[in-house]
Amino acid sequence: MQLIKANSNLLSIIEQLARKIWPVAYADILSQEQLEYMLTMFYSEEALISQLEKGHVFYLVQNNLGDYLGFVSYELNCELHKTKIHKIYVLPETQGIGLGKLLFEKVREEALKANQKAIFLNVNKYNNAQHFYNKLDFKIVKEEVIDIGRGYVMDDYVMEVKI
């Protein structure tokens, strides 16, 4: 497995992965309409370019055959001395083999280099990914309801781990 820092040439891979992962990850949480709205809002090429321009860093995980299996995006100093993981996803069929942890460890390594004190992220209150974050010692620090337009909200926990 290798991690590849994504530039604008690889954004279409991230969008393709999101379109494979999200329908499985959020099937029991989001309506089809909200799912499509959010994919367009967060994963269209324009949205991803905007995120890069705002300082989000993307890494893709690739196997030895050249297949892309997942991705992470993060932002150093999103809050004072804290890094935010904006996205961390792996293909459903690859869950449980350590790819998520590999992606998290890359963020942790970069955050430590930048003298960050913690890493935080938002997770839907009904998303099973919370169990993964608990294994990485993330703790719930607050709840947030974020209006994303069209009558949709993200009903999340903010989870954080000290580093």
C-alpha atoms as a PDB file:
ATOM      1  CA  MET A   1       0.000   0.000   0.000  1.00  0.00           C
ATOM      2  CA  GLN A   2       1.166   3.480  -0.702  1.00  0.00           C
ATOM      3  CA  LEU A   3      -0.138   6.933   0.109  1.00  0.00           C
ATOM      4  CA  ILE A   4      -0.223   9.463  -2.690  1.00  0.00           C
ATOM      5  CA  LYS A   5      -0.661  13.168  -2.085  1.00  0.00           C
ATOM      6  CA  ALA A   6      -3.453  14.275  -4.379  1.00  0.00           C
ATOM      7  CA  ASN A   7      -3.193  17.307  -6.598  1.00  0.00           C
ATOM      8  CA  SER A   8      -5.914  18.644  -8.857  1.00  0.00           C
ATOM      9  CA  ASN A   9      -5.189  15.873 -11.416  1.00  0.00           C
ATOM     10  CA  LEU A  10      -6.408  13.206  -8.949  1.00  0.00           C
ATOM     11  CA  LEU A  11      -9.598  14.895  -7.767  1.00  0.00           C
ATOM     12  CA  SER A  12     -11.738  12.854 -10.149  1.00  0.00           C
ATOM     13  CA  ILE A  13     -10.493   9.693  -8.380  1.00  0.00           C
ATOM     14  CA  ILE A  14     -11.652  11.112  -5.045  1.00  0.00           C
ATOM     15  CA  GLU A  15     -15.069  11.912  -6.505  1.00  0.00           C
ATOM     16  CA  GLN A  16     -15.352   8.392  -7.973  1.00  0.00           C
ATOM     17  CA  LEU A  17     -14.422   6.803  -4.640  1.00  0.00           C
ATOM     18  CA  ALA A  18     -16.933   8.962  -2.755  1.00  0.00           C
ATOM     19  CA  ARG A  19     -19.673   7.926  -5.180  1.00  0.00           C
ATOM     20  CA  LYS A  20     -18.881   4.260  -4.456  1.00  0.00           C
ATOM     21  CA  ILE A  21     -18.464   4.634  -0.681  1.00  0.00           C
ATOM     22  CA  TRP A  22     -21.182   7.074   0.360  1.00  0.00           C
ATOM     23  CA  PRO A  23     -24.231   5.107  -0.841  1.00  0.00           C
ATOM     24  CA  VAL A  24     -23.079   2.186   1.326  1.00  0.00           C
ATOM     25  CA  ALA A  25     -21.879   4.253   4.307  1.00  0.00           C
ATOM     26  CA  TYR A  26     -25.011   6.390   4.499  1.00  0.00           C
ATOM     27  CA  ALA A  27     -27.716   4.069   3.121  1.00  0.00           C
ATOM     28  CA  ASP A  28     -29.492   3.841   6.486  1.00  0.00           C
ATOM     29  CA  ILE A  29     -28.865   7.464   7.501  1.00  0.00           C
ATOM     30  CA  LEU A  30     -29.572   9.745   4.528  1.00  0.00           C
ATOM     31  CA  SER A  31     -32.301   9.883   1.921  1.00  0.00           C
ATOM     32  CA  GLN A  32     -31.214   9.346  -1.682  1.00  0.00           C
ATOM     33  CA  GLU A  33     -31.940  13.021  -2.359  1.00  0.00           C
ATOM     34  CA  GLN A  34     -29.777  14.241   0.534  1.00  0.00           C
ATOM     35  CA  LEU A  35     -27.032  11.816  -0.401  1.00  0.00           C
ATOM     36  CA  GLU A  36     -26.884  13.127  -3.969  1.00  0.00           C
ATOM     37  CA  TYR A  37     -27.060  16.739  -2.771  1.00  0.00           C
ATOM     38  CA  MET A  38     -24.150  16.222  -0.376  1.00  0.00           C
ATOM     39  CA  LEU A  39     -22.028  14.330  -2.908  1.00  0.00           C
ATOM     40  CA  THR A  40     -22.426  17.217  -5.337  1.00  0.00           C
ATOM     41  CA  MET A  41     -21.852  19.788  -2.597  1.00  0.00           C
ATOM     42  CA  PHE A  42     -18.655  18.191  -1.228  1.00  0.00           C
ATOM     43  CA  TYR A  43     -17.253  16.029  -4.041  1.00  0.00           C
ATOM     44  CA  SER A  44     -17.868  17.746  -7.365  1.00  0.00           C
ATOM     45  CA  GLU A  45     -14.638  18.736  -9.070  1.00  0.00           C
ATOM     46  CA  GLU A  46     -15.397  22.406  -8.359  1.00  0.00           C
ATOM     47  CA  ALA A  47     -15.988  21.684  -4.661  1.00  0.00           C
ATOM     48  CA  LEU A  48     -12.778  19.669  -4.366  1.00  0.00           C
ATOM     49  CA  ILE A  49     -10.735  22.359  -6.124  1.00  0.00           C
ATOM     50  CA  SER A  50     -12.170  24.932  -3.726  1.00  0.00           C
ATOM     51  CA  GLN A  51     -11.173  22.730  -0.787  1.00  0.00           C
ATOM     52  CA  LEU A  52      -7.603  22.444  -2.109  1.00  0.00           C
ATOM     53  CA  GLU A  53      -7.472  26.220  -2.485  1.00  0.00           C
ATOM     54  CA  LYS A  54      -8.592  26.586   1.158  1.00  0.00           C
ATOM     55  CA  GLY A  55      -5.654  24.502   2.338  1.00  0.00           C
ATOM     56  CA  HIS A  56      -7.184  21.029   2.576  1.00  0.00           C
ATOM     57  CA  VAL A  57      -4.605  18.311   1.958  1.00  0.00           C
ATOM     58  CA  PHE A  58      -5.699  15.071   0.290  1.00  0.00           C
ATOM     59  CA  TYR A  59      -4.034  11.662   0.315  1.00  0.00           C
ATOM     60  CA  LEU A  60      -5.173   8.583  -1.580  1.00  0.00           C
ATOM     61  CA  VAL A  61      -4.307   5.029  -0.596  1.00  0.00           C
ATOM     62  CA  GLN A  62      -3.335   2.822  -3.510  1.00  0.00           C
ATOM     63  CA  ASN A  63      -2.625  -0.899  -3.573  1.00  0.00           C
ATOM     64  CA  ASN A  64       0.228  -2.599  -5.451  1.00  0.00           C
ATOM     65  CA  LEU A  65      -2.027  -3.143  -8.480  1.00  0.00           C
ATOM     66  CA  GLY A  66      -2.621   0.597  -8.830  1.00  0.00           C
ATOM     67  CA  ASP A  67      -6.184   0.525  -7.505  1.00  0.00           C
ATOM     68  CA  TYR A  68      -7.288   3.423  -5.335  1.00  0.00           C
ATOM     69  CA  LEU A  69      -8.991   2.180  -2.166  1.00  0.00           C
ATOM     70  CA  GLY A  70      -9.698   5.273  -0.087  1.00  0.00           C
ATOM     71  CA  PHE A  71      -8.743   8.803   0.816  1.00  0.00           C
ATOM     72  CA  VAL A  72      -8.358  11.341   3.575  1.00  0.00           C
ATOM     73  CA  SER A  73      -8.425  15.122   3.617  1.00  0.00           C
ATOM     74  CA  TYR A  74      -7.301  17.298   6.484  1.00  0.00           C
ATOM     75  CA  GLU A  75      -6.549  20.899   7.348  1.00  0.00           C
ATOM     76  CA  LEU A  76      -3.755  21.971   9.678  1.00  0.00           C
ATOM     77  CA  ASN A  77      -4.637  24.727  12.152  1.00  0.00           C
ATOM     78  CA  CYS A  78      -8.323  24.566  11.287  1.00  0.00           C
ATOM     79  CA  GLU A  79      -8.613  25.677  14.897  1.00  0.00           C
ATOM     80  CA  LEU A  80      -5.665  26.958  16.926  1.00  0.00           C
ATOM     81  CA  HIS A  81      -3.128  24.095  17.148  1.00  0.00           C
ATOM     82  CA  LYS A  82      -5.726  21.597  15.955  1.00  0.00           C
ATOM     83  CA  THR A  83      -5.981  19.662  12.711  1.00  0.00           C
ATOM     84  CA  LYS A  84      -9.363  18.768  11.276  1.00  0.00           C
ATOM     85  CA  ILE A  85      -9.974  15.600   9.312  1.00  0.00           C
ATOM     86  CA  HIS A  86     -12.587  16.672   6.794  1.00  0.00           C
ATOM     87  CA  LYS A  87     -12.919  13.316   5.030  1.00  0.00           C
ATOM     88  CA  ILE A  88     -11.680   9.797   5.684  1.00  0.00           C
ATOM     89  CA  TYR A  89     -13.197   6.961   3.685  1.00  0.00           C
ATOM     90  CA  VAL A  90     -12.197   3.558   2.358  1.00  0.00           C
ATOM     91  CA  LEU A  91     -14.095   1.260   0.030  1.00  0.00           C
ATOM     92  CA  PRO A  92     -16.550  -0.937   1.964  1.00  0.00           C
ATOM     93  CA  GLU A  93     -14.881  -4.145   0.815  1.00  0.00           C
ATOM     94  CA  THR A  94     -11.549  -2.961   2.252  1.00  0.00           C
ATOM     95  CA  GLN A  95     -12.795  -1.972   5.702  1.00  0.00           C
ATOM     96  CA  GLY A  96     -11.142  -3.779   8.587  1.00  0.00           C
ATOM     97  CA  ILE A  97      -7.725  -4.291   6.973  1.00  0.00           C
ATOM     98  CA  GLY A  98      -6.034  -1.182   8.382  1.00  0.00           C
ATOM     99  CA  LEU A  99      -6.438   1.346   5.574  1.00  0.00           C
ATOM    100  CA  GLY A 100      -8.374   3.828   7.699  1.00  0.00           C
ATOM    101  CA  LYS A 101      -5.716   3.602  10.384  1.00  0.00           C
ATOM    102  CA  LEU A 102      -2.984   4.078   7.756  1.00  0.00           C
ATOM    103  CA  LEU A 103      -4.718   7.249   6.540  1.00  0.00           C
ATOM    104  CA  PHE A 104      -5.237   8.497  10.100  1.00  0.00           C
ATOM    105  CA  GLU A 105      -1.569   7.865  10.966  1.00  0.00           C
ATOM    106  CA  LYS A 106      -0.517   9.973   7.979  1.00  0.00           C
ATOM    107  CA  VAL A 107      -2.642  12.864   9.261  1.00  0.00           C
ATOM    108  CA  ARG A 108      -1.242  12.353  12.772  1.00  0.00           C
ATOM    109  CA  GLU A 109       2.329  12.405  11.421  1.00  0.00           C
ATOM    110  CA  GLU A 110       1.719  15.643   9.502  1.00  0.00           C
ATOM    111  CA  ALA A 111      -0.082  17.219  12.471  1.00  0.00           C
ATOM    112  CA  LEU A 112       2.810  16.395  14.788  1.00  0.00           C
ATOM    113  CA  LYS A 113       5.287  17.932  12.319  1.00  0.00           C
ATOM    114  CA  ALA A 114       3.163  21.099  12.423  1.00  0.00           C
ATOM    115  CA  ASN A 115       3.132  21.156  16.250  1.00  0.00           C
ATOM    116  CA  GLN A 116      -0.580  20.491  16.479  1.00  0.00           C
ATOM    117  CA  LYS A 117      -2.055  19.488  19.845  1.00  0.00           C
ATOM    118  CA  ALA A 118      -5.119  17.557  18.669  1.00  0.00           C
ATOM    119  CA  ILE A 119      -6.985  16.148  15.695  1.00  0.00           C
ATOM    120  CA  PHE A 120     -10.751  16.486  15.424  1.00  0.00           C
ATOM    121  CA  LEU A 121     -13.519  15.537  13.032  1.00  0.00           C
ATOM    122  CA  ASN A 122     -17.278  15.484  12.622  1.00  0.00           C
ATOM    123  CA  VAL A 123     -19.137  12.194  12.454  1.00  0.00           C
ATOM    124  CA  ASN A 124     -22.841  11.651  11.916  1.00  0.00           C
ATOM    125  CA  LYS A 125     -24.463  10.601  15.200  1.00  0.00           C
ATOM    126  CA  TYR A 126     -25.788   7.438  13.537  1.00  0.00           C
ATOM    127  CA  ASN A 127     -22.635   6.492  11.633  1.00  0.00           C
ATOM    128  CA  ASN A 128     -20.957   3.234  12.677  1.00  0.00           C
ATOM    129  CA  ALA A 129     -17.585   4.876  11.973  1.00  0.00           C
ATOM    130  CA  GLN A 130     -17.726   6.151  15.559  1.00  0.00           C
ATOM    131  CA  HIS A 131     -16.470   2.715  16.649  1.00  0.00           C
ATOM    132  CA  PHE A 132     -13.405   3.131  14.433  1.00  0.00           C
ATOM    133  CA  TYR A 133     -12.692   6.563  15.920  1.00  0.00           C
ATOM    134  CA  ASN A 134     -13.127   5.239  19.461  1.00  0.00           C
ATOM    135  CA  LYS A 135     -10.419   2.642  18.733  1.00  0.00           C
ATOM    136  CA  LEU A 136      -8.128   5.528  17.788  1.00  0.00           C
ATOM    137  CA  ASP A 137      -8.893   7.178  21.175  1.00  0.00           C
ATOM    138  CA  PHE A 138     -11.143   9.905  19.787  1.00  0.00           C
ATOM    139  CA  LYS A 139     -13.647  11.219  22.336  1.00  0.00           C
ATOM    140  CA  ILE A 140     -16.892  13.079  21.765  1.00  0.00           C
ATOM    141  CA  VAL A 141     -16.338  16.709  22.743  1.00  0.00           C
ATOM    142  CA  LYS A 142     -19.602  18.242  21.536  1.00  0.00           C
ATOM    143  CA  GLU A 143     -22.660  17.858  19.337  1.00  0.00           C
ATOM    144  CA  GLU A 144     -23.356  19.990  16.271  1.00  0.00           C
ATOM    145  CA  VAL A 145     -26.273  20.420  13.918  1.00  0.00           C
ATOM    146  CA  ILE A 146     -25.089  22.089  10.713  1.00  0.00           C
ATOM    147  CA  ASP A 147     -27.549  23.507   8.186  1.00  0.00           C
ATOM    148  CA  ILE A 148     -26.267  22.602   4.704  1.00  0.00           C
ATOM    149  CA  GLY A 149     -29.151  24.081   2.735  1.00  0.00           C
ATOM    150  CA  ARG A 150     -32.303  22.798   1.040  1.00  0.00           C
ATOM    151  CA  GLY A 151     -33.718  21.874   4.424  1.00  0.00           C
ATOM    152  CA  TYR A 152     -30.931  19.364   5.111  1.00  0.00           C
ATOM    153  CA  VAL A 153     -28.748  19.252   8.202  1.00  0.00           C
ATOM    154  CA  MET A 154     -25.738  17.303   9.368  1.00  0.00           C
ATOM    155  CA  ASP A 155     -26.475  15.966  12.862  1.00  0.00           C
ATOM    156  CA  ASP A 156     -22.977  15.264  14.142  1.00  0.00           C
ATOM    157  CA  TYR A 157     -20.706  14.570  17.035  1.00  0.00           C
ATOM    158  CA  VAL A 158     -17.402  16.384  17.070  1.00  0.00           C
ATOM    159  CA  MET A 159     -14.755  13.897  18.151  1.00  0.00           C
ATOM    160  CA  GLU A 160     -11.194  14.753  19.125  1.00  0.00           C
ATOM    161  CA  VAL A 161      -7.977  12.992  20.006  1.00  0.00           C
ATOM    162  CA  LYS A 162      -4.974  14.618  21.675  1.00  0.00           C
ATOM    163  CA  ILE A 163      -1.639  14.000  19.998  1.00  0.00           C
END
